[in-house]
Amino acid sequence: MKKLLVVLALAVLTAGPANASVESLIYQEALNTIVPMDLINWKVGDTASYDVKISSFGKMGTNVKTVTKDEGTSIWLTQDLNLSGQKQLAEAQISKADGKILKLIVNGKEQEIPNDPLEIISQDYADVTVPAGTFQCIHVIAKSKQISKLEVWMNPRDTVMDGMIKQIAQTQLFPLTMELTSFKRMP
């Protein structure tokens, strides 16, 4: 079960498109204590696409996560977020051994790696249906200082990368939902 939590952090979005990708990487550091060694075996070209919905407004944009580079002991993961015409590109260099973010670049500018400890409230098994299909998942409920409630449904075995299939983040302003629409796993 711990394997499924390795990069829950990369799936989390919070309020406001300007900070969404930066804050979505916050939780990577929090999970370092529960991450087994040598866990990330993602391949260049692995891609996951999501619809982003905000509260009752419905679909407000998309998020595409892609592994773009393998540097031996680390990989580069990009998040290309497009919310209502506002675009943001976040690039994270991630250690394959422990999932730790080594470097973060947002819209071409290097950023300080955020630190917002994540508290896991519960974990259970559940099925979830999203535009990409129906999946058996681990359903995790967590919280942090910035997000009062975070629900994530994950299955990296049957999908790609961190296995995030659906997430609902209760931010200070509104609930934000991401649902997997498609994915591609490289051989």
N, C-alpha and C. Protein backbone atom coordinates (compact mmCIF):
# COMPACT_ATOMS: atom_id res chain seq x y z
N MET A 1 0.82 -1.18 0.00
CA MET A 1 0.00 0.00 0.00
C MET A 1 0.87 1.26 0.00
N LYS A 2 2.03 1.19 0.67
CA LYS A 2 2.90 2.36 0.72
C LYS A 2 3.38 2.76 -0.67
N LYS A 3 3.56 1.77 -1.55
CA LYS A 3 4.01 2.08 -2.91
C LYS A 3 3.03 3.01 -3.61
N LEU A 4 1.76 2.84 -3.36
CA LEU A 4 0.76 3.65 -4.03
C LEU A 4 0.77 5.10 -3.58
N LEU A 5 1.42 5.38 -2.46
CA LEU A 5 1.45 6.73 -1.93
C LEU A 5 2.68 7.51 -2.35
N VAL A 6 3.57 6.89 -3.14
CA VAL A 6 4.87 7.49 -3.41
C VAL A 6 4.80 8.90 -3.95
N VAL A 7 3.88 9.18 -4.83
CA VAL A 7 3.84 10.53 -5.38
C VAL A 7 2.44 11.10 -5.40
N LEU A 8 1.69 10.79 -4.39
CA LEU A 8 0.40 11.42 -4.18
C LEU A 8 0.57 12.92 -4.30
N ALA A 9 1.69 13.39 -3.86
CA ALA A 9 1.98 14.82 -3.86
C ALA A 9 1.85 15.45 -5.23
N LEU A 10 2.23 14.74 -6.25
CA LEU A 10 2.25 15.34 -7.58
C LEU A 10 0.86 15.53 -8.15
N ALA A 11 -0.13 14.96 -7.53
CA ALA A 11 -1.47 15.04 -8.05
C ALA A 11 -2.30 16.15 -7.46
N VAL A 12 -1.85 16.74 -6.40
CA VAL A 12 -2.65 17.68 -5.65
C VAL A 12 -2.60 19.07 -6.27
N LEU A 13 -3.75 19.66 -6.49
CA LEU A 13 -3.84 21.05 -6.93
C LEU A 13 -4.57 21.84 -5.87
N THR A 14 -4.25 23.10 -5.74
CA THR A 14 -4.95 23.95 -4.79
C THR A 14 -5.56 25.13 -5.50
N ALA A 15 -6.12 26.03 -4.76
CA ALA A 15 -6.82 27.17 -5.34
C ALA A 15 -5.88 28.06 -6.13
N GLY A 16 -6.41 28.61 -7.20
CA GLY A 16 -5.69 29.62 -7.96
C GLY A 16 -4.75 29.03 -8.97
N PRO A 17 -4.98 29.25 -10.26
CA PRO A 17 -4.15 28.69 -11.29
C PRO A 17 -2.71 29.16 -11.22
N ALA A 18 -2.43 30.32 -10.68
CA ALA A 18 -1.06 30.81 -10.65
C ALA A 18 -0.17 29.97 -9.76
N ASN A 19 -0.71 29.37 -8.72
CA ASN A 19 0.09 28.59 -7.79
C ASN A 19 -0.21 27.10 -7.86
N ALA A 20 -1.09 26.67 -8.70
CA ALA A 20 -1.58 25.30 -8.66
C ALA A 20 -0.48 24.27 -8.82
N SER A 21 0.38 24.38 -9.82
CA SER A 21 1.40 23.37 -10.02
C SER A 21 2.44 23.40 -8.94
N VAL A 22 2.82 24.57 -8.47
CA VAL A 22 3.79 24.66 -7.39
C VAL A 22 3.24 23.98 -6.16
N GLU A 23 2.03 24.32 -5.78
CA GLU A 23 1.44 23.73 -4.59
C GLU A 23 1.12 22.26 -4.79
N SER A 24 0.94 21.82 -6.02
CA SER A 24 0.67 20.41 -6.24
C SER A 24 1.89 19.56 -5.93
N LEU A 25 3.06 20.17 -5.84
CA LEU A 25 4.29 19.43 -5.55
C LEU A 25 4.65 19.47 -4.07
N ILE A 26 3.91 20.21 -3.28
CA ILE A 26 4.20 20.36 -1.86
C ILE A 26 4.25 19.01 -1.15
N TYR A 27 3.33 18.16 -1.45
CA TYR A 27 3.14 16.94 -0.70
C TYR A 27 4.20 15.88 -0.96
N GLN A 28 5.02 16.06 -1.97
CA GLN A 28 6.10 15.13 -2.24
C GLN A 28 7.01 15.00 -1.03
N GLU A 29 7.39 16.10 -0.46
CA GLU A 29 8.28 16.09 0.70
C GLU A 29 7.61 15.41 1.89
N ALA A 30 6.33 15.62 2.06
CA ALA A 30 5.63 15.04 3.21
C ALA A 30 5.60 13.52 3.15
N LEU A 31 5.62 12.98 1.96
CA LEU A 31 5.51 11.53 1.82
C LEU A 31 6.86 10.82 1.92
N ASN A 32 7.95 11.54 2.00
CA ASN A 32 9.27 10.91 2.04
C ASN A 32 9.40 9.89 3.16
N THR A 33 8.72 10.07 4.26
CA THR A 33 8.85 9.15 5.38
C THR A 33 8.15 7.82 5.13
N ILE A 34 7.24 7.74 4.17
CA ILE A 34 6.54 6.48 3.92
C ILE A 34 6.89 5.87 2.58
N VAL A 35 7.88 6.40 1.90
CA VAL A 35 8.23 5.94 0.57
C VAL A 35 9.34 4.89 0.64
N PRO A 36 9.09 3.69 0.11
CA PRO A 36 10.16 2.70 0.04
C PRO A 36 11.23 3.14 -0.97
N MET A 37 12.40 2.57 -0.85
CA MET A 37 13.51 2.95 -1.72
C MET A 37 13.32 2.41 -3.14
N ASP A 38 13.94 3.08 -4.10
CA ASP A 38 13.98 2.68 -5.51
C ASP A 38 12.60 2.34 -6.06
N LEU A 39 11.67 3.24 -5.90
CA LEU A 39 10.29 2.98 -6.25
C LEU A 39 9.91 3.52 -7.62
N ILE A 40 10.49 4.62 -8.03
CA ILE A 40 10.06 5.26 -9.27
C ILE A 40 10.75 4.61 -10.46
N ASN A 41 9.95 3.98 -11.30
CA ASN A 41 10.47 3.35 -12.52
C ASN A 41 9.70 3.85 -13.74
N TRP A 42 9.34 5.11 -13.71
CA TRP A 42 8.59 5.71 -14.81
C TRP A 42 9.49 5.85 -16.02
N LYS A 43 8.87 5.88 -17.20
CA LYS A 43 9.61 5.97 -18.46
C LYS A 43 9.33 7.31 -19.14
N VAL A 44 10.33 7.80 -19.87
CA VAL A 44 10.14 9.01 -20.67
C VAL A 44 9.00 8.76 -21.64
N GLY A 45 8.05 9.68 -21.67
CA GLY A 45 6.88 9.56 -22.52
C GLY A 45 5.63 9.12 -21.77
N ASP A 46 5.78 8.57 -20.56
CA ASP A 46 4.59 8.26 -19.75
C ASP A 46 3.79 9.55 -19.58
N THR A 47 2.49 9.48 -19.82
CA THR A 47 1.64 10.68 -19.80
C THR A 47 0.29 10.38 -19.18
N ALA A 48 -0.22 11.32 -18.42
CA ALA A 48 -1.57 11.24 -17.86
C ALA A 48 -2.26 12.58 -18.09
N SER A 49 -3.48 12.54 -18.62
CA SER A 49 -4.26 13.76 -18.90
C SER A 49 -5.49 13.79 -18.00
N TYR A 50 -5.81 14.99 -17.51
CA TYR A 50 -6.91 15.16 -16.57
C TYR A 50 -7.80 16.32 -16.97
N ASP A 51 -9.09 16.19 -16.67
CA ASP A 51 -10.00 17.33 -16.68
C ASP A 51 -9.94 17.95 -15.30
N VAL A 52 -9.96 19.28 -15.24
CA VAL A 52 -9.96 20.00 -13.97
C VAL A 52 -11.30 20.69 -13.83
N LYS A 53 -12.00 20.39 -12.73
CA LYS A 53 -13.31 20.97 -12.46
C LYS A 53 -13.23 21.77 -11.18
N ILE A 54 -13.91 22.90 -11.17
CA ILE A 54 -13.94 23.74 -9.98
C ILE A 54 -15.38 23.86 -9.51
N SER A 55 -15.62 23.34 -8.31
CA SER A 55 -16.90 23.43 -7.64
C SER A 55 -18.04 23.11 -8.60
N SER A 56 -19.08 23.91 -8.60
CA SER A 56 -20.23 23.67 -9.47
C SER A 56 -20.08 24.30 -10.85
N PHE A 57 -18.93 24.91 -11.12
CA PHE A 57 -18.70 25.55 -12.42
C PHE A 57 -18.42 24.53 -13.52
N GLY A 58 -18.12 23.30 -13.16
CA GLY A 58 -17.84 22.28 -14.14
C GLY A 58 -16.40 22.35 -14.64
N LYS A 59 -16.18 21.80 -15.82
CA LYS A 59 -14.82 21.75 -16.36
C LYS A 59 -14.29 23.15 -16.61
N MET A 60 -13.13 23.43 -16.01
CA MET A 60 -12.49 24.74 -16.16
C MET A 60 -11.16 24.64 -16.88
N GLY A 61 -10.68 23.41 -17.14
CA GLY A 61 -9.40 23.29 -17.83
C GLY A 61 -8.88 21.87 -17.82
N THR A 62 -7.57 21.78 -18.11
CA THR A 62 -6.91 20.49 -18.20
C THR A 62 -5.55 20.54 -17.51
N ASN A 63 -5.07 19.37 -17.18
CA ASN A 63 -3.73 19.20 -16.62
C ASN A 63 -3.12 17.97 -17.28
N VAL A 64 -1.92 18.11 -17.82
CA VAL A 64 -1.24 16.98 -18.45
C VAL A 64 0.10 16.79 -17.75
N LYS A 65 0.30 15.59 -17.20
CA LYS A 65 1.57 15.24 -16.54
C LYS A 65 2.34 14.31 -17.47
N THR A 66 3.63 14.61 -17.68
CA THR A 66 4.45 13.82 -18.59
C THR A 66 5.86 13.67 -18.04
N VAL A 67 6.40 12.46 -18.14
CA VAL A 67 7.82 12.26 -17.84
C VAL A 67 8.58 12.67 -19.10
N THR A 68 9.44 13.67 -18.95
CA THR A 68 10.12 14.23 -20.12
C THR A 68 11.59 13.88 -20.23
N LYS A 69 12.22 13.44 -19.12
CA LYS A 69 13.66 13.19 -19.17
C LYS A 69 14.05 12.20 -18.08
N ASP A 70 14.99 11.31 -18.39
CA ASP A 70 15.54 10.37 -17.41
C ASP A 70 17.03 10.68 -17.30
N GLU A 71 17.46 11.03 -16.09
CA GLU A 71 18.87 11.36 -15.87
C GLU A 71 19.59 10.29 -15.06
N GLY A 72 19.13 9.06 -15.14
CA GLY A 72 19.77 7.96 -14.42
C GLY A 72 19.22 7.79 -13.02
N THR A 73 19.57 8.69 -12.12
CA THR A 73 19.10 8.58 -10.73
C THR A 73 17.87 9.44 -10.48
N SER A 74 17.47 10.21 -11.48
CA SER A 74 16.28 11.06 -11.34
C SER A 74 15.53 11.15 -12.66
N ILE A 75 14.28 11.57 -12.55
CA ILE A 75 13.46 11.83 -13.74
C ILE A 75 12.94 13.26 -13.66
N TRP A 76 12.51 13.78 -14.80
CA TRP A 76 11.85 15.09 -14.86
C TRP A 76 10.39 14.86 -15.19
N LEU A 77 9.52 15.42 -14.36
CA LEU A 77 8.08 15.34 -14.56
C LEU A 77 7.57 16.75 -14.82
N THR A 78 6.80 16.92 -15.89
CA THR A 78 6.20 18.23 -16.17
C THR A 78 4.70 18.15 -15.92
N GLN A 79 4.15 19.27 -15.45
CA GLN A 79 2.71 19.44 -15.34
C GLN A 79 2.35 20.66 -16.17
N ASP A 80 1.56 20.45 -17.20
CA ASP A 80 1.12 21.53 -18.07
C ASP A 80 -0.34 21.81 -17.73
N LEU A 81 -0.54 22.87 -16.97
CA LEU A 81 -1.86 23.22 -16.46
C LEU A 81 -2.46 24.34 -17.29
N ASN A 82 -3.70 24.17 -17.71
CA ASN A 82 -4.41 25.19 -18.47
C ASN A 82 -5.79 25.35 -17.83
N LEU A 83 -5.96 26.46 -17.10
CA LEU A 83 -7.24 26.74 -16.45
C LEU A 83 -7.83 28.02 -17.02
N SER A 84 -8.93 27.89 -17.70
CA SER A 84 -9.64 29.04 -18.28
C SER A 84 -8.69 29.98 -19.02
N GLY A 85 -7.81 29.40 -19.82
CA GLY A 85 -6.91 30.20 -20.64
C GLY A 85 -5.63 30.62 -19.95
N GLN A 86 -5.53 30.43 -18.64
CA GLN A 86 -4.28 30.73 -17.93
C GLN A 86 -3.44 29.46 -17.93
N LYS A 87 -2.20 29.59 -18.44
CA LYS A 87 -1.33 28.42 -18.57
C LYS A 87 -0.17 28.52 -17.60
N GLN A 88 0.25 27.35 -17.14
CA GLN A 88 1.41 27.27 -16.26
C GLN A 88 2.11 25.94 -16.51
N LEU A 89 3.43 25.99 -16.62
CA LEU A 89 4.24 24.79 -16.80
C LEU A 89 5.15 24.63 -15.59
N ALA A 90 4.99 23.53 -14.88
CA ALA A 90 5.85 23.21 -13.74
C ALA A 90 6.68 21.99 -14.10
N GLU A 91 7.99 22.08 -13.84
CA GLU A 91 8.90 20.97 -14.11
C GLU A 91 9.57 20.59 -12.79
N ALA A 92 9.50 19.30 -12.45
CA ALA A 92 10.10 18.84 -11.20
C ALA A 92 11.08 17.72 -11.49
N GLN A 93 12.29 17.88 -10.96
CA GLN A 93 13.27 16.80 -11.01
C GLN A 93 13.07 15.97 -9.75
N ILE A 94 12.84 14.66 -9.92
CA ILE A 94 12.47 13.79 -8.81
C ILE A 94 13.45 12.64 -8.71
N SER A 95 13.95 12.39 -7.49
CA SER A 95 14.85 11.27 -7.23
C SER A 95 14.10 9.96 -7.43
N LYS A 96 14.68 9.04 -8.19
CA LYS A 96 14.06 7.73 -8.37
C LYS A 96 14.13 6.90 -7.09
N ALA A 97 15.14 7.12 -6.28
CA ALA A 97 15.35 6.31 -5.08
C ALA A 97 14.34 6.57 -3.99
N ASP A 98 13.98 7.85 -3.78
CA ASP A 98 13.12 8.14 -2.64
C ASP A 98 11.95 9.06 -2.94
N GLY A 99 11.78 9.48 -4.20
CA GLY A 99 10.66 10.33 -4.58
C GLY A 99 10.80 11.79 -4.19
N LYS A 100 11.95 12.17 -3.67
CA LYS A 100 12.17 13.55 -3.22
C LYS A 100 12.32 14.49 -4.42
N ILE A 101 11.70 15.65 -4.33
CA ILE A 101 11.86 16.66 -5.37
C ILE A 101 13.23 17.31 -5.19
N LEU A 102 14.03 17.27 -6.25
CA LEU A 102 15.38 17.82 -6.20
C LEU A 102 15.45 19.24 -6.73
N LYS A 103 14.58 19.53 -7.70
CA LYS A 103 14.57 20.86 -8.32
C LYS A 103 13.17 21.12 -8.84
N LEU A 104 12.75 22.40 -8.76
CA LEU A 104 11.42 22.79 -9.22
C LEU A 104 11.54 24.06 -10.05
N ILE A 105 11.00 24.01 -11.26
CA ILE A 105 11.01 25.16 -12.17
C ILE A 105 9.58 25.42 -12.61
N VAL A 106 9.09 26.65 -12.42
CA VAL A 106 7.73 27.01 -12.80
C VAL A 106 7.82 28.17 -13.79
N ASN A 107 7.25 27.95 -14.97
CA ASN A 107 7.27 28.94 -16.05
C ASN A 107 8.68 29.48 -16.28
N GLY A 108 9.66 28.56 -16.28
CA GLY A 108 11.03 28.92 -16.59
C GLY A 108 11.85 29.48 -15.45
N LYS A 109 11.25 29.63 -14.26
CA LYS A 109 11.97 30.20 -13.11
C LYS A 109 12.09 29.16 -12.01
N GLU A 110 13.31 28.95 -11.51
CA GLU A 110 13.51 28.01 -10.43
C GLU A 110 12.82 28.51 -9.16
N GLN A 111 12.16 27.59 -8.46
CA GLN A 111 11.39 27.92 -7.27
C GLN A 111 11.95 27.17 -6.06
N GLU A 112 11.69 27.71 -4.88
CA GLU A 112 12.00 26.98 -3.66
C GLU A 112 11.05 25.79 -3.58
N ILE A 113 11.56 24.66 -3.14
CA ILE A 113 10.72 23.47 -3.02
C ILE A 113 9.81 23.65 -1.82
N PRO A 114 8.49 23.62 -2.04
CA PRO A 114 7.54 23.86 -0.95
C PRO A 114 7.56 22.74 0.08
N ASN A 115 7.15 23.08 1.28
CA ASN A 115 7.07 22.10 2.36
C ASN A 115 5.78 22.36 3.15
N ASP A 116 4.81 21.47 2.98
CA ASP A 116 3.55 21.55 3.71
C ASP A 116 3.20 20.12 4.13
N PRO A 117 3.52 19.76 5.36
CA PRO A 117 3.33 18.37 5.79
C PRO A 117 1.91 17.86 5.56
N LEU A 118 1.84 16.65 5.06
CA LEU A 118 0.57 15.99 4.76
C LEU A 118 0.26 14.99 5.85
N GLU A 119 -0.97 15.03 6.36
CA GLU A 119 -1.42 14.07 7.37
C GLU A 119 -2.42 13.13 6.71
N ILE A 120 -2.08 11.84 6.67
CA ILE A 120 -2.97 10.83 6.12
C ILE A 120 -4.03 10.52 7.18
N ILE A 121 -5.30 10.70 6.82
CA ILE A 121 -6.41 10.45 7.73
C ILE A 121 -6.88 9.00 7.63
N SER A 122 -7.04 8.52 6.39
CA SER A 122 -7.49 7.14 6.20
C SER A 122 -7.09 6.63 4.82
N GLN A 123 -7.09 5.30 4.70
CA GLN A 123 -6.86 4.62 3.43
C GLN A 123 -7.81 3.43 3.37
N ASP A 124 -8.44 3.24 2.21
CA ASP A 124 -9.26 2.05 2.01
C ASP A 124 -9.27 1.73 0.52
N TYR A 125 -9.95 0.67 0.17
CA TYR A 125 -10.07 0.26 -1.23
C TYR A 125 -11.44 0.66 -1.75
N ALA A 126 -11.46 1.12 -3.01
CA ALA A 126 -12.73 1.54 -3.62
C ALA A 126 -12.60 1.48 -5.13
N ASP A 127 -13.73 1.35 -5.80
CA ASP A 127 -13.78 1.49 -7.25
C ASP A 127 -14.16 2.92 -7.57
N VAL A 128 -13.60 3.46 -8.65
CA VAL A 128 -13.95 4.81 -9.07
C VAL A 128 -14.07 4.81 -10.60
N THR A 129 -15.06 5.55 -11.09
CA THR A 129 -15.27 5.69 -12.53
C THR A 129 -14.98 7.14 -12.92
N VAL A 130 -14.12 7.28 -13.94
CA VAL A 130 -13.74 8.58 -14.50
C VAL A 130 -13.81 8.46 -16.02
N PRO A 131 -13.61 9.54 -16.77
CA PRO A 131 -13.68 9.43 -18.23
C PRO A 131 -12.75 8.37 -18.83
N ALA A 132 -11.63 8.05 -18.17
CA ALA A 132 -10.70 7.03 -18.70
C ALA A 132 -11.15 5.61 -18.40
N GLY A 133 -12.20 5.43 -17.58
CA GLY A 133 -12.68 4.09 -17.27
C GLY A 133 -12.98 3.91 -15.79
N THR A 134 -13.22 2.63 -15.41
CA THR A 134 -13.48 2.28 -14.02
C THR A 134 -12.27 1.51 -13.50
N PHE A 135 -11.79 1.90 -12.30
CA PHE A 135 -10.57 1.33 -11.75
C PHE A 135 -10.78 0.92 -10.30
N GLN A 136 -10.13 -0.17 -9.89
CA GLN A 136 -10.01 -0.51 -8.48
C GLN A 136 -8.87 0.33 -7.94
N CYS A 137 -9.08 0.99 -6.81
CA CYS A 137 -8.12 1.97 -6.32
C CYS A 137 -7.89 1.85 -4.83
N ILE A 138 -6.84 2.52 -4.40
CA ILE A 138 -6.70 2.86 -3.00
C ILE A 138 -7.23 4.28 -2.88
N HIS A 139 -8.13 4.47 -1.94
CA HIS A 139 -8.75 5.77 -1.69
C HIS A 139 -8.09 6.33 -0.44
N VAL A 140 -7.42 7.47 -0.58
CA VAL A 140 -6.70 8.10 0.52
C VAL A 140 -7.38 9.41 0.87
N ILE A 141 -7.59 9.64 2.16
CA ILE A 141 -8.08 10.93 2.64
C ILE A 141 -6.97 11.53 3.49
N ALA A 142 -6.63 12.79 3.21
CA ALA A 142 -5.54 13.47 3.91
C ALA A 142 -5.88 14.94 4.09
N LYS A 143 -5.01 15.64 4.82
CA LYS A 143 -5.17 17.08 4.98
C LYS A 143 -3.80 17.70 5.22
N SER A 144 -3.75 19.03 5.09
CA SER A 144 -2.53 19.78 5.37
C SER A 144 -2.96 21.17 5.83
N LYS A 145 -2.00 22.04 6.04
CA LYS A 145 -2.33 23.41 6.42
C LYS A 145 -3.05 24.14 5.29
N GLN A 146 -2.69 23.84 4.04
CA GLN A 146 -3.27 24.55 2.90
C GLN A 146 -4.54 23.91 2.36
N ILE A 147 -4.73 22.63 2.60
CA ILE A 147 -5.91 21.93 2.09
C ILE A 147 -6.60 21.24 3.26
N SER A 148 -7.85 21.64 3.52
CA SER A 148 -8.56 21.11 4.68
C SER A 148 -8.96 19.65 4.50
N LYS A 149 -9.17 19.22 3.26
CA LYS A 149 -9.48 17.82 2.99
C LYS A 149 -9.04 17.49 1.57
N LEU A 150 -8.35 16.39 1.44
CA LEU A 150 -7.86 15.91 0.15
C LEU A 150 -8.26 14.46 0.01
N GLU A 151 -8.95 14.13 -1.08
CA GLU A 151 -9.29 12.74 -1.37
C GLU A 151 -8.62 12.38 -2.69
N VAL A 152 -7.93 11.25 -2.70
CA VAL A 152 -7.25 10.80 -3.91
C VAL A 152 -7.53 9.32 -4.11
N TRP A 153 -7.86 8.95 -5.34
CA TRP A 153 -8.05 7.56 -5.74
C TRP A 153 -6.87 7.23 -6.65
N MET A 154 -6.09 6.18 -6.30
CA MET A 154 -4.86 5.86 -7.03
C MET A 154 -4.78 4.39 -7.41
N ASN A 155 -4.14 4.14 -8.56
CA ASN A 155 -3.83 2.79 -8.99
C ASN A 155 -2.70 2.86 -10.02
N PRO A 156 -1.43 2.87 -9.58
CA PRO A 156 -0.33 2.94 -10.54
C PRO A 156 -0.11 1.63 -11.31
N ARG A 157 -0.61 0.52 -10.80
CA ARG A 157 -0.46 -0.76 -11.49
C ARG A 157 -1.20 -0.75 -12.83
N ASP A 158 -2.42 -0.21 -12.84
CA ASP A 158 -3.24 -0.25 -14.04
C ASP A 158 -3.25 1.05 -14.83
N THR A 159 -2.56 2.07 -14.33
CA THR A 159 -2.48 3.33 -15.06
C THR A 159 -1.01 3.67 -15.29
N VAL A 160 -0.59 4.86 -14.91
CA VAL A 160 0.77 5.30 -15.22
C VAL A 160 1.28 6.22 -14.12
N MET A 161 2.59 6.32 -14.00
CA MET A 161 3.28 7.18 -13.04
C MET A 161 2.77 6.96 -11.62
N ASP A 162 2.28 8.03 -10.98
CA ASP A 162 1.83 7.94 -9.60
C ASP A 162 0.48 7.25 -9.46
N GLY A 163 -0.21 6.99 -10.56
CA GLY A 163 -1.47 6.27 -10.52
C GLY A 163 -2.67 7.08 -10.10
N MET A 164 -2.54 8.41 -10.09
CA MET A 164 -3.66 9.25 -9.67
C MET A 164 -4.77 9.18 -10.72
N ILE A 165 -5.94 8.75 -10.27
CA ILE A 165 -7.09 8.60 -11.16
C ILE A 165 -8.09 9.72 -10.92
N LYS A 166 -8.30 10.04 -9.66
CA LYS A 166 -9.22 11.13 -9.32
C LYS A 166 -8.73 11.77 -8.03
N GLN A 167 -8.96 13.07 -7.91
CA GLN A 167 -8.66 13.77 -6.67
C GLN A 167 -9.66 14.89 -6.47
N ILE A 168 -9.99 15.11 -5.20
CA ILE A 168 -10.83 16.24 -4.81
C ILE A 168 -10.08 16.95 -3.68
N ALA A 169 -9.74 18.21 -3.92
CA ALA A 169 -9.04 19.00 -2.92
C ALA A 169 -9.97 20.12 -2.46
N GLN A 170 -10.25 20.14 -1.17
CA GLN A 170 -11.06 21.22 -0.60
C GLN A 170 -10.12 22.36 -0.24
N THR A 171 -10.12 23.41 -1.06
CA THR A 171 -9.25 24.56 -0.82
C THR A 171 -10.02 25.59 0.00
N GLN A 172 -9.37 26.70 0.29
CA GLN A 172 -10.03 27.76 1.07
C GLN A 172 -11.21 28.37 0.32
N LEU A 173 -11.17 28.33 -0.99
CA LEU A 173 -12.22 28.96 -1.78
C LEU A 173 -13.30 28.01 -2.29
N PHE A 174 -12.88 26.81 -2.73
CA PHE A 174 -13.83 25.91 -3.38
C PHE A 174 -13.20 24.53 -3.54
N PRO A 175 -14.03 23.50 -3.77
CA PRO A 175 -13.48 22.18 -4.07
C PRO A 175 -12.96 22.15 -5.51
N LEU A 176 -11.82 21.51 -5.70
CA LEU A 176 -11.22 21.38 -7.01
C LEU A 176 -11.07 19.90 -7.29
N THR A 177 -11.55 19.45 -8.45
CA THR A 177 -11.54 18.04 -8.80
C THR A 177 -10.74 17.82 -10.08
N MET A 178 -9.94 16.75 -10.09
CA MET A 178 -9.24 16.32 -11.30
C MET A 178 -9.64 14.87 -11.56
N GLU A 179 -9.96 14.57 -12.83
CA GLU A 179 -10.32 13.21 -13.22
C GLU A 179 -9.51 12.80 -14.44
N LEU A 180 -8.97 11.59 -14.38
CA LEU A 180 -8.17 11.05 -15.48
C LEU A 180 -9.03 10.87 -16.72
N THR A 181 -8.56 11.44 -17.84
CA THR A 181 -9.28 11.29 -19.11
C THR A 181 -8.57 10.30 -20.03
N SER A 182 -7.22 10.23 -19.93
CA SER A 182 -6.46 9.28 -20.74
C SER A 182 -5.05 9.16 -20.17
N PHE A 183 -4.37 8.08 -20.55
CA PHE A 183 -2.98 7.90 -20.13
C PHE A 183 -2.25 7.04 -21.14
N LYS A 184 -0.93 7.19 -21.14
CA LYS A 184 -0.08 6.40 -22.04
C LYS A 184 1.12 5.94 -21.23
N ARG A 185 1.34 4.62 -21.20
CA ARG A 185 2.51 4.03 -20.52
C ARG A 185 3.48 3.56 -21.59
N MET A 186 4.72 4.00 -21.47
CA MET A 186 5.75 3.59 -22.42
C MET A 186 6.28 2.21 -22.03
N PRO A 187 6.67 1.42 -23.04
CA PRO A 187 7.20 0.05 -22.75
C PRO A 187 8.56 0.12 -22.08
